[in-house]
């Protein structure tokens, strides 16, 4: 019985950690930058369940983001 509870708790810990990692990865915003001028055009926000609830803009740039060039 104790082994079964140990396995169940181990699986739950792994699932929670995997969920938190995916939530963090999917909540990183895209910063759309003009290829010709290098100026920020738009910031696409993807709020997560746990992480990154703040809404960013070109004036309020995130510290970590995916860089996307646009025309």
PDB file of N, CA and C in Angstrom:
ATOM      1  N   UNK A   1       0.821  -1.198   0.000  1.00  0.00           N
ATOM      2  CA  UNK A   1       0.000   0.000   0.000  1.00  0.00           C
ATOM      3  C   UNK A   1       0.863   1.260   0.000  1.00  0.00           C
ATOM      4  N   UNK A   2       1.940   1.235   0.770  1.00  0.00           N
ATOM      5  CA  UNK A   2       2.813   2.402   0.847  1.00  0.00           C
ATOM      6  C   UNK A   2       3.515   2.650  -0.484  1.00  0.00           C
ATOM      7  N   UNK A   3       3.880   1.545  -1.190  1.00  0.00           N
ATOM      8  CA  UNK A   3       4.516   1.697  -2.500  1.00  0.00           C
ATOM      9  C   UNK A   3       3.560   2.343  -3.492  1.00  0.00           C
ATOM     10  N   UNK A   4       2.316   1.942  -3.456  1.00  0.00           N
ATOM     11  CA  UNK A   4       1.317   2.489  -4.372  1.00  0.00           C
ATOM     12  C   UNK A   4       1.126   3.980  -4.136  1.00  0.00           C
ATOM     13  N   UNK A   5       1.042   4.390  -2.876  1.00  0.00           N
ATOM     14  CA  UNK A   5       0.907   5.811  -2.565  1.00  0.00           C
ATOM     15  C   UNK A   5       2.150   6.587  -2.993  1.00  0.00           C
ATOM     16  N   UNK A   6       3.304   5.981  -2.866  1.00  0.00           N
ATOM     17  CA  UNK A   6       4.542   6.616  -3.314  1.00  0.00           C
ATOM     18  C   UNK A   6       4.551   6.828  -4.817  1.00  0.00           C
ATOM     19  N   UNK A   7       4.105   5.815  -5.569  1.00  0.00           N
ATOM     20  CA  UNK A   7       4.039   5.947  -7.024  1.00  0.00           C
ATOM     21  C   UNK A   7       3.028   7.009  -7.433  1.00  0.00           C
ATOM     22  N   UNK A   8       1.879   7.011  -6.793  1.00  0.00           N
ATOM     23  CA  UNK A   8       0.836   7.982  -7.120  1.00  0.00           C
ATOM     24  C   UNK A   8       1.315   9.403  -6.831  1.00  0.00           C
ATOM     25  N   UNK A   9       1.948   9.603  -5.684  1.00  0.00           N
ATOM     26  CA  UNK A   9       2.429  10.946  -5.353  1.00  0.00           C
ATOM     27  C   UNK A   9       3.554  11.361  -6.291  1.00  0.00           C
ATOM     28  N   UNK A  10       4.403  10.440  -6.699  1.00  0.00           N
ATOM     29  CA  UNK A  10       5.466  10.755  -7.647  1.00  0.00           C
ATOM     30  C   UNK A  10       4.914  11.163  -9.006  1.00  0.00           C
ATOM     31  N   UNK A  11       3.901  10.445  -9.469  1.00  0.00           N
ATOM     32  CA  UNK A  11       3.277  10.775 -10.749  1.00  0.00           C
ATOM     33  C   UNK A  11       2.591  12.128 -10.667  1.00  0.00           C
ATOM     34  N   UNK A  12       1.937  12.417  -9.562  1.00  0.00           N
ATOM     35  CA  UNK A  12       1.284  13.718  -9.398  1.00  0.00           C
ATOM     36  C   UNK A  12       2.291  14.864  -9.412  1.00  0.00           C
ATOM     37  N   UNK A  13       3.412  14.678  -8.762  1.00  0.00           N
ATOM     38  CA  UNK A  13       4.453  15.714  -8.748  1.00  0.00           C
ATOM     39  C   UNK A  13       4.974  15.951 -10.162  1.00  0.00           C
ATOM     40  N   UNK A  14       5.218  14.885 -10.907  1.00  0.00           N
ATOM     41  CA  UNK A  14       5.707  15.019 -12.277  1.00  0.00           C
ATOM     42  C   UNK A  14       4.673  15.722 -13.147  1.00  0.00           C
ATOM     43  N   UNK A  15       3.390  15.393 -12.997  1.00  0.00           N
ATOM     44  CA  UNK A  15       2.340  16.026 -13.789  1.00  0.00           C
ATOM     45  C   UNK A  15       2.199  17.516 -13.459  1.00  0.00           C
ATOM     46  N   UNK A  16       2.299  17.880 -12.192  1.00  0.00           N
ATOM     47  CA  UNK A  16       2.210  19.290 -11.802  1.00  0.00           C
ATOM     48  C   UNK A  16       3.393  20.070 -12.362  1.00  0.00           C
ATOM     49  N   UNK A  17       4.586  19.510 -12.290  1.00  0.00           N
ATOM     50  CA  UNK A  17       5.764  20.186 -12.827  1.00  0.00           C
ATOM     51  C   UNK A  17       5.646  20.340 -14.342  1.00  0.00           C
ATOM     52  N   UNK A  18       5.169  19.310 -15.035  1.00  0.00           N
ATOM     53  CA  UNK A  18       4.986  19.397 -16.485  1.00  0.00           C
ATOM     54  C   UNK A  18       3.951  20.465 -16.840  1.00  0.00           C
ATOM     55  N   UNK A  19       2.866  20.536 -16.079  1.00  0.00           N
ATOM     56  CA  UNK A  19       1.845  21.557 -16.324  1.00  0.00           C
ATOM     57  C   UNK A  19       2.416  22.953 -16.140  1.00  0.00           C
ATOM     58  N   UNK A  20       3.184  23.176 -15.075  1.00  0.00           N
ATOM     59  CA  UNK A  20       3.771  24.489 -14.822  1.00  0.00           C
ATOM     60  C   UNK A  20       4.771  24.880 -15.905  1.00  0.00           C
ATOM     61  N   UNK A  21       5.549  23.926 -16.388  1.00  0.00           N
ATOM     62  CA  UNK A  21       6.510  24.212 -17.452  1.00  0.00           C
ATOM     63  C   UNK A  21       5.790  24.586 -18.748  1.00  0.00           C
ATOM     64  N   UNK A  22       4.731  23.877 -19.090  1.00  0.00           N
ATOM     65  CA  UNK A  22       3.980  24.190 -20.302  1.00  0.00           C
ATOM     66  C   UNK A  22       3.261  25.527 -20.177  1.00  0.00           C
ATOM     67  N   UNK A  23       2.714  25.814 -19.011  1.00  0.00           N
ATOM     68  CA  UNK A  23       2.034  27.096 -18.806  1.00  0.00           C
ATOM     69  C   UNK A  23       3.015  28.251 -18.961  1.00  0.00           C
ATOM     70  N   UNK A  24       4.211  28.100 -18.437  1.00  0.00           N
ATOM     71  CA  UNK A  24       5.224  29.151 -18.563  1.00  0.00           C
ATOM     72  C   UNK A  24       5.651  29.325 -20.022  1.00  0.00           C
ATOM     73  N   UNK A  25       5.882  28.217 -20.712  1.00  0.00           N
ATOM     74  CA  UNK A  25       6.347  28.295 -22.103  1.00  0.00           C
ATOM     75  C   UNK A  25       5.295  28.911 -23.016  1.00  0.00           C
ATOM     76  N   UNK A  26       4.029  28.597 -22.797  1.00  0.00           N
ATOM     77  CA  UNK A  26       2.971  29.109 -23.666  1.00  0.00           C
ATOM     78  C   UNK A  26       2.540  30.526 -23.303  1.00  0.00           C
ATOM     79  N   UNK A  27       2.994  31.060 -22.183  1.00  0.00           N
ATOM     80  CA  UNK A  27       2.586  32.408 -21.785  1.00  0.00           C
ATOM     81  C   UNK A  27       3.604  33.482 -22.177  1.00  0.00           C
ATOM     82  N   UNK A  28       4.694  33.105 -22.828  1.00  0.00           N
ATOM     83  CA  UNK A  28       5.699  34.087 -23.256  1.00  0.00           C
ATOM     84  C   UNK A  28       5.138  34.853 -24.459  1.00  0.00           C
ATOM     85  N   UNK A  29       5.108  36.187 -24.412  1.00  0.00           N
ATOM     86  CA  UNK A  29       4.489  36.970 -25.492  1.00  0.00           C
ATOM     87  C   UNK A  29       5.355  37.046 -26.758  1.00  0.00           C
ATOM     88  N   UNK A  30       4.705  37.353 -27.878  1.00  0.00           N
ATOM     89  CA  UNK A  30       5.386  37.640 -29.142  1.00  0.00           C
ATOM     90  C   UNK A  30       5.504  39.150 -29.292  1.00  0.00           C
ATOM     91  N   UNK A  31       6.697  39.621 -29.645  1.00  0.00           N
ATOM     92  CA  UNK A  31       6.887  41.037 -29.958  1.00  0.00           C
ATOM     93  C   UNK A  31       7.072  41.138 -31.462  1.00  0.00           C
ATOM     94  N   UNK A  32       6.117  41.798 -32.121  1.00  0.00           N
ATOM     95  CA  UNK A  32       6.183  41.983 -33.564  1.00  0.00           C
ATOM     96  C   UNK A  32       6.973  43.250 -33.849  1.00  0.00           C
ATOM     97  N   UNK A  33       8.074  43.099 -34.580  1.00  0.00           N
ATOM     98  CA  UNK A  33       8.968  44.217 -34.865  1.00  0.00           C
ATOM     99  C   UNK A  33       9.084  44.394 -36.369  1.00  0.00           C
ATOM    100  N   UNK A  34       9.058  45.639 -36.814  1.00  0.00           N
ATOM    101  CA  UNK A  34       9.194  45.950 -38.235  1.00  0.00           C
ATOM    102  C   UNK A  34      10.595  45.595 -38.705  1.00  0.00           C
ATOM    103  N   UNK A  35      10.679  44.852 -39.792  1.00  0.00           N
ATOM    104  CA  UNK A  35      11.977  44.438 -40.319  1.00  0.00           C
ATOM    105  C   UNK A  35      12.760  45.626 -40.857  1.00  0.00           C
ATOM    106  N   UNK A  36      12.066  46.564 -41.470  1.00  0.00           N
ATOM    107  CA  UNK A  36      12.761  47.687 -42.107  1.00  0.00           C
ATOM    108  C   UNK A  36      13.175  48.768 -41.115  1.00  0.00           C
ATOM    109  N   UNK A  37      12.322  49.073 -40.125  1.00  0.00           N
ATOM    110  CA  UNK A  37      12.637  50.163 -39.195  1.00  0.00           C
ATOM    111  C   UNK A  37      13.182  49.691 -37.856  1.00  0.00           C
ATOM    112  N   UNK A  38      12.927  48.449 -37.482  1.00  0.00           N
ATOM    113  CA  UNK A  38      13.380  47.938 -36.189  1.00  0.00           C
ATOM    114  C   UNK A  38      12.516  48.389 -35.028  1.00  0.00           C
ATOM    115  N   UNK A  39      11.385  49.040 -35.314  1.00  0.00           N
ATOM    116  CA  UNK A  39      10.473  49.528 -34.268  1.00  0.00           C
ATOM    117  C   UNK A  39       9.477  48.435 -33.872  1.00  0.00           C
ATOM    118  N   UNK A  40       9.056  48.475 -32.643  1.00  0.00           N
ATOM    119  CA  UNK A  40       8.008  47.577 -32.168  1.00  0.00           C
ATOM    120  C   UNK A  40       6.680  47.973 -32.805  1.00  0.00           C
ATOM    121  N   UNK A  41       5.976  46.999 -33.354  1.00  0.00           N
ATOM    122  CA  UNK A  41       4.688  47.246 -33.987  1.00  0.00           C
ATOM    123  C   UNK A  41       3.554  46.849 -33.054  1.00  0.00           C
ATOM    124  N   UNK A  42       3.689  45.686 -32.433  1.00  0.00           N
ATOM    125  CA  UNK A  42       2.625  45.158 -31.578  1.00  0.00           C
ATOM    126  C   UNK A  42       3.205  44.098 -30.659  1.00  0.00           C
ATOM    127  N   UNK A  43       2.546  43.887 -29.539  1.00  0.00           N
ATOM    128  CA  UNK A  43       2.907  42.808 -28.632  1.00  0.00           C
ATOM    129  C   UNK A  43       1.684  41.906 -28.489  1.00  0.00           C
ATOM    130  N   UNK A  44       1.859  40.626 -28.847  1.00  0.00           N
ATOM    131  CA  UNK A  44       0.782  39.653 -28.704  1.00  0.00           C
ATOM    132  C   UNK A  44       0.935  38.966 -27.349  1.00  0.00           C
ATOM    133  N   UNK A  45      -0.030  39.180 -26.471  1.00  0.00           N
ATOM    134  CA  UNK A  45       0.008  38.616 -25.123  1.00  0.00           C
ATOM    135  C   UNK A  45      -0.736  37.296 -25.085  1.00  0.00           C
ATOM    136  N   UNK A  46      -0.174  36.348 -24.361  1.00  0.00           N
ATOM    137  CA  UNK A  46      -0.805  35.052 -24.137  1.00  0.00           C
ATOM    138  C   UNK A  46      -0.800  34.792 -22.634  1.00  0.00           C
ATOM    139  N   UNK A  47      -1.781  35.308 -21.911  1.00  0.00           N
ATOM    140  CA  UNK A  47      -1.762  35.119 -20.459  1.00  0.00           C
ATOM    141  C   UNK A  47      -1.914  33.649 -20.082  1.00  0.00           C
ATOM    142  N   UNK A  48      -1.105  33.222 -19.162  1.00  0.00           N
ATOM    143  CA  UNK A  48      -1.162  31.845 -18.697  1.00  0.00           C
ATOM    144  C   UNK A  48      -2.099  31.715 -17.510  1.00  0.00           C
ATOM    145  N   UNK A  49      -2.231  30.502 -17.044  1.00  0.00           N
ATOM    146  CA  UNK A  49      -3.078  30.238 -15.885  1.00  0.00           C
ATOM    147  C   UNK A  49      -2.366  30.653 -14.602  1.00  0.00           C
ATOM    148  N   UNK A  50      -1.081  30.343 -14.510  1.00  0.00           N
ATOM    149  CA  UNK A  50      -0.307  30.660 -13.311  1.00  0.00           C
ATOM    150  C   UNK A  50       0.658  31.812 -13.575  1.00  0.00           C
ATOM    151  N   UNK A  51       1.344  31.784 -14.715  1.00  0.00           N
ATOM    152  CA  UNK A  51       2.398  32.739 -15.020  1.00  0.00           C
ATOM    153  C   UNK A  51       1.915  33.843 -15.954  1.00  0.00           C
ATOM    154  N   UNK A  52       2.602  34.982 -15.896  1.00  0.00           N
ATOM    155  CA  UNK A  52       2.492  36.066 -16.861  1.00  0.00           C
ATOM    156  C   UNK A  52       1.063  36.594 -17.010  1.00  0.00           C
ATOM    157  N   UNK A  53       0.514  37.110 -15.959  1.00  0.00           N
ATOM    158  CA  UNK A  53      -0.816  37.698 -16.001  1.00  0.00           C
ATOM    159  C   UNK A  53      -0.782  39.151 -16.483  1.00  0.00           C
ATOM    160  N   UNK A  54       0.407  39.748 -16.576  1.00  0.00           N
ATOM    161  CA  UNK A  54       0.540  41.146 -16.973  1.00  0.00           C
ATOM    162  C   UNK A  54       0.375  41.281 -18.487  1.00  0.00           C
ATOM    163  N   UNK A  55      -0.286  42.358 -18.919  1.00  0.00           N
ATOM    164  CA  UNK A  55      -0.461  42.633 -20.339  1.00  0.00           C
ATOM    165  C   UNK A  55       0.619  43.624 -20.773  1.00  0.00           C
ATOM    166  N   UNK A  56       1.390  43.271 -21.795  1.00  0.00           N
ATOM    167  CA  UNK A  56       2.501  44.091 -22.253  1.00  0.00           C
ATOM    168  C   UNK A  56       2.109  44.868 -23.499  1.00  0.00           C
ATOM    169  N   UNK A  57       2.864  45.932 -23.770  1.00  0.00           N
ATOM    170  CA  UNK A  57       2.687  46.745 -24.972  1.00  0.00           C
ATOM    171  C   UNK A  57       4.080  47.159 -25.443  1.00  0.00           C
ATOM    172  N   UNK A  58       4.119  47.936 -26.528  1.00  0.00           N
ATOM    173  CA  UNK A  58       5.418  48.401 -27.037  1.00  0.00           C
ATOM    174  C   UNK A  58       6.099  49.347 -26.048  1.00  0.00           C
ATOM    175  N   UNK A  59       5.315  50.068 -25.265  1.00  0.00           N
ATOM    176  CA  UNK A  59       5.886  50.958 -24.251  1.00  0.00           C
ATOM    177  C   UNK A  59       6.305  50.180 -23.003  1.00  0.00           C
ATOM    178  N   UNK A  60       5.643  49.081 -22.719  1.00  0.00           N
ATOM    179  CA  UNK A  60       5.917  48.248 -21.550  1.00  0.00           C
ATOM    180  C   UNK A  60       6.365  46.876 -22.051  1.00  0.00           C
ATOM    181  N   UNK A  61       7.631  46.793 -22.490  1.00  0.00           N
ATOM    182  CA  UNK A  61       8.141  45.560 -23.100  1.00  0.00           C
ATOM    183  C   UNK A  61       8.412  44.494 -22.033  1.00  0.00           C
ATOM    184  N   UNK A  62       8.130  43.241 -22.356  1.00  0.00           N
ATOM    185  CA  UNK A  62       8.452  42.160 -21.417  1.00  0.00           C
ATOM    186  C   UNK A  62       9.955  41.901 -21.392  1.00  0.00           C
ATOM    187  N   UNK A  63      10.435  41.312 -20.317  1.00  0.00           N
ATOM    188  CA  UNK A  63      11.862  41.011 -20.218  1.00  0.00           C
ATOM    189  C   UNK A  63      12.229  39.795 -21.057  1.00  0.00           C
ATOM    190  N   UNK A  64      11.282  38.883 -21.275  1.00  0.00           N
ATOM    191  CA  UNK A  64      11.518  37.696 -22.078  1.00  0.00           C
ATOM    192  C   UNK A  64      10.395  37.592 -23.098  1.00  0.00           C
ATOM    193  N   UNK A  65      10.741  37.439 -24.385  1.00  0.00           N
ATOM    194  CA  UNK A  65       9.715  37.371 -25.425  1.00  0.00           C
ATOM    195  C   UNK A  65      10.250  36.669 -26.656  1.00  0.00           C
ATOM    196  N   UNK A  66       9.316  36.249 -27.516  1.00  0.00           N
ATOM    197  CA  UNK A  66       9.664  35.704 -28.816  1.00  0.00           C
ATOM    198  C   UNK A  66       9.693  36.866 -29.804  1.00  0.00           C
ATOM    199  N   UNK A  67      10.756  36.934 -30.587  1.00  0.00           N
ATOM    200  CA  UNK A  67      10.959  38.049 -31.517  1.00  0.00           C
ATOM    201  C   UNK A  67      10.438  37.622 -32.889  1.00  0.00           C
ATOM    202  N   UNK A  68       9.465  38.387 -33.443  1.00  0.00           N
ATOM    203  CA  UNK A  68       8.871  38.089 -34.742  1.00  0.00           C
ATOM    204  C   UNK A  68       9.004  39.322 -35.627  1.00  0.00           C
ATOM    205  N   UNK A  69       9.611  39.150 -36.806  1.00  0.00           N
ATOM    206  CA  UNK A  69       9.728  40.261 -37.758  1.00  0.00           C
ATOM    207  C   UNK A  69       8.504  40.317 -38.656  1.00  0.00           C
ATOM    208  N   UNK A  70       8.026  41.527 -38.903  1.00  0.00           N
ATOM    209  CA  UNK A  70       6.903  41.750 -39.818  1.00  0.00           C
ATOM    210  C   UNK A  70       7.298  42.840 -40.801  1.00  0.00           C
ATOM    211  N   UNK A  71       6.491  43.012 -41.864  1.00  0.00           N
ATOM    212  CA  UNK A  71       6.781  44.049 -42.868  1.00  0.00           C
ATOM    213  C   UNK A  71       6.519  45.420 -42.329  1.00  0.00           C
TER     214      UNK A  71
END
